[in-house]
N, C-alpha and C. Protein backbone atom coordinates (compact mmCIF):
# COMPACT_ATOMS: atom_id res chain seq x y z
N UNK A 1 6.57 13.93 -3.49
CA UNK A 1 7.65 14.40 -3.99
C UNK A 1 8.70 13.84 -4.03
N UNK A 2 9.01 13.01 -2.28
CA UNK A 2 10.50 12.09 -2.30
C UNK A 2 10.29 10.67 -3.25
N UNK A 3 8.78 10.42 -2.94
CA UNK A 3 8.91 9.02 -3.68
C UNK A 3 9.00 9.00 -5.14
N UNK A 4 8.46 10.22 -6.04
CA UNK A 4 8.83 10.25 -7.07
C UNK A 4 10.56 10.96 -7.52
N UNK A 5 10.56 11.86 -7.31
CA UNK A 5 11.96 12.04 -7.48
C UNK A 5 13.21 11.53 -6.46
N UNK A 6 13.04 10.85 -5.41
CA UNK A 6 14.24 10.20 -5.13
C UNK A 6 13.92 8.63 -5.06
N UNK A 7 13.13 8.18 -4.53
CA UNK A 7 12.76 6.90 -4.89
C UNK A 7 12.52 5.97 -6.15
N UNK A 8 11.86 6.70 -6.95
CA UNK A 8 11.78 6.07 -8.34
C UNK A 8 12.89 6.95 -8.95
N UNK A 9 13.52 8.10 -8.86
CA UNK A 9 14.58 8.94 -9.47
C UNK A 9 13.73 9.10 -10.83
N UNK A 10 12.34 9.78 -10.89
CA UNK A 10 12.07 10.48 -11.98
C UNK A 10 12.41 12.22 -12.10
N UNK A 11 13.02 12.49 -13.20
CA UNK A 11 13.24 13.41 -13.43
C UNK A 11 11.88 14.46 -13.15
N UNK A 12 12.46 15.76 -12.70
CA UNK A 12 11.40 16.77 -12.43
C UNK A 12 10.56 17.06 -13.31
N UNK A 13 10.64 17.08 -14.69
CA UNK A 13 9.55 17.02 -16.08
C UNK A 13 8.88 16.07 -15.82
N UNK A 14 9.25 14.75 -15.54
CA UNK A 14 8.25 13.44 -15.86
C UNK A 14 7.71 13.56 -14.43
N UNK A 15 7.98 13.62 -13.28
CA UNK A 15 7.08 13.42 -12.18
C UNK A 15 6.02 14.65 -12.21
N UNK A 16 6.37 15.53 -12.57
CA UNK A 16 5.28 16.67 -12.65
C UNK A 16 4.37 16.19 -13.72
N UNK A 17 4.63 15.37 -14.63
CA UNK A 17 3.41 15.08 -15.71
C UNK A 17 2.81 14.08 -15.42
N UNK A 18 2.86 13.69 -14.22
CA UNK A 18 2.14 12.20 -14.16
C UNK A 18 0.94 12.64 -13.55
N UNK A 19 -0.28 11.90 -13.82
CA UNK A 19 -1.50 11.82 -13.26
C UNK A 19 -1.41 11.37 -11.83
N UNK A 20 -2.38 11.80 -11.23
CA UNK A 20 -2.76 10.93 -9.59
C UNK A 20 -2.42 9.47 -10.00
N UNK A 21 -3.23 8.84 -11.03
CA UNK A 21 -3.54 7.39 -11.08
C UNK A 21 -2.31 6.76 -11.65
N UNK A 22 -1.34 7.65 -12.23
CA UNK A 22 -0.22 7.27 -12.90
C UNK A 22 1.16 6.92 -11.48
N UNK A 23 0.67 8.25 -10.84
CA UNK A 23 1.84 8.07 -9.70
C UNK A 23 1.21 7.08 -8.62
N UNK A 24 -0.14 6.62 -8.35
CA UNK A 24 -0.38 5.75 -7.41
C UNK A 24 -0.21 4.56 -8.13
N UNK A 25 0.03 4.16 -9.24
CA UNK A 25 0.06 3.01 -9.72
C UNK A 25 1.70 2.68 -9.75
N UNK A 26 2.86 3.72 -9.84
CA UNK A 26 3.83 3.85 -9.95
C UNK A 26 4.50 3.55 -8.60
N UNK A 27 3.72 3.77 -7.36
CA UNK A 27 4.23 3.85 -6.16
C UNK A 27 3.29 2.42 -5.36
N UNK A 28 2.63 1.73 -6.00
CA UNK A 28 2.22 0.47 -5.63
C UNK A 28 0.70 0.58 -4.84
N UNK A 29 0.46 1.66 -5.08
CA UNK A 29 -1.14 2.05 -4.47
C UNK A 29 -2.30 1.10 -5.04
N UNK A 30 -1.95 0.33 -6.27
CA UNK A 30 -3.16 -0.27 -6.95
C UNK A 30 -3.13 -1.73 -6.68
N UNK A 31 -1.90 -2.28 -5.97
CA UNK A 31 -1.92 -3.70 -5.89
C UNK A 31 -3.33 -4.18 -5.02
N UNK A 32 -3.63 -5.28 -5.04
CA UNK A 32 -4.83 -5.61 -4.36
C UNK A 32 -4.03 -6.40 -2.72
N UNK A 33 -5.02 -5.73 -1.56
CA UNK A 33 -4.47 -6.09 -0.12
C UNK A 33 -4.66 -7.46 -0.13
N UNK A 34 -4.87 -8.57 -0.87
CA UNK A 34 -4.88 -9.87 -0.34
C UNK A 34 -6.12 -10.25 0.65
N UNK A 35 -6.39 -11.63 0.74
CA UNK A 35 -7.59 -11.98 1.31
C UNK A 35 -7.89 -11.11 2.49
N UNK A 36 -8.36 -11.26 3.39
CA UNK A 36 -8.80 -10.73 4.68
C UNK A 36 -8.61 -11.92 5.44
N UNK A 37 -8.88 -11.66 6.85
CA UNK A 37 -8.50 -12.58 7.86
C UNK A 37 -10.25 -13.44 7.97
N UNK A 38 -10.15 -15.08 8.00
CA UNK A 38 -11.24 -15.86 7.97
C UNK A 38 -11.84 -15.67 9.68
N UNK A 39 -12.94 -16.24 9.74
CA UNK A 39 -13.41 -16.25 10.95
C UNK A 39 -12.81 -17.09 12.10
N UNK A 40 -12.02 -18.07 11.74
CA UNK A 40 -11.38 -18.91 12.36
C UNK A 40 -10.22 -18.31 12.78
N UNK A 41 -9.38 -17.51 12.22
CA UNK A 41 -8.44 -16.93 12.29
C UNK A 41 -8.22 -15.74 13.65
N UNK A 42 -9.59 -15.06 13.26
CA UNK A 42 -9.91 -13.98 14.46
C UNK A 42 -10.14 -14.75 15.43
N UNK A 43 -11.32 -16.02 15.63
CA UNK A 43 -11.42 -16.59 16.77
C UNK A 43 -9.80 -17.22 17.54
N UNK A 44 -9.14 -17.97 17.05
CA UNK A 44 -7.78 -18.15 17.53
C UNK A 44 -6.97 -17.28 18.25
N UNK A 45 -6.90 -15.82 17.51
CA UNK A 45 -6.18 -14.62 17.88
C UNK A 45 -7.05 -14.45 19.18
N UNK A 46 -8.13 -14.20 19.15
CA UNK A 46 -9.09 -13.93 20.44
C UNK A 46 -8.80 -14.87 21.33
N UNK A 47 -8.33 -16.02 21.24
CA UNK A 47 -8.05 -17.23 22.32
C UNK A 47 -6.74 -16.84 22.78
N UNK A 48 -5.66 -16.70 21.88
CA UNK A 48 -4.47 -16.65 22.36
C UNK A 48 -4.36 -15.18 23.08
N UNK A 49 -5.11 -14.11 22.74
CA UNK A 49 -4.60 -12.58 23.06
C UNK A 49 -6.36 -12.16 24.04
N UNK A 50 -6.87 -12.95 24.99
CA UNK A 50 -8.21 -12.83 25.14
C UNK A 50 -7.82 -10.86 25.88
N UNK A 51 -8.95 -10.71 25.90
CA UNK A 51 -9.23 -8.96 26.78
C UNK A 51 -9.09 -9.43 28.07
N UNK A 52 -8.43 -8.40 28.98
CA UNK A 52 -8.72 -8.54 30.23
C UNK A 52 -9.72 -8.70 30.95
């Protein structure tokens, strides 16, 4: 409710009329996450921060 009514400043009538998919899209939940970490990146982190 905070996201819809305060952050997006939707009137209550419009907020309650949204479908879950519409609300997810309006709050950025449908954006791609981007590329994951490559193996070389993981290995570099493991070298930089080894487990004790």
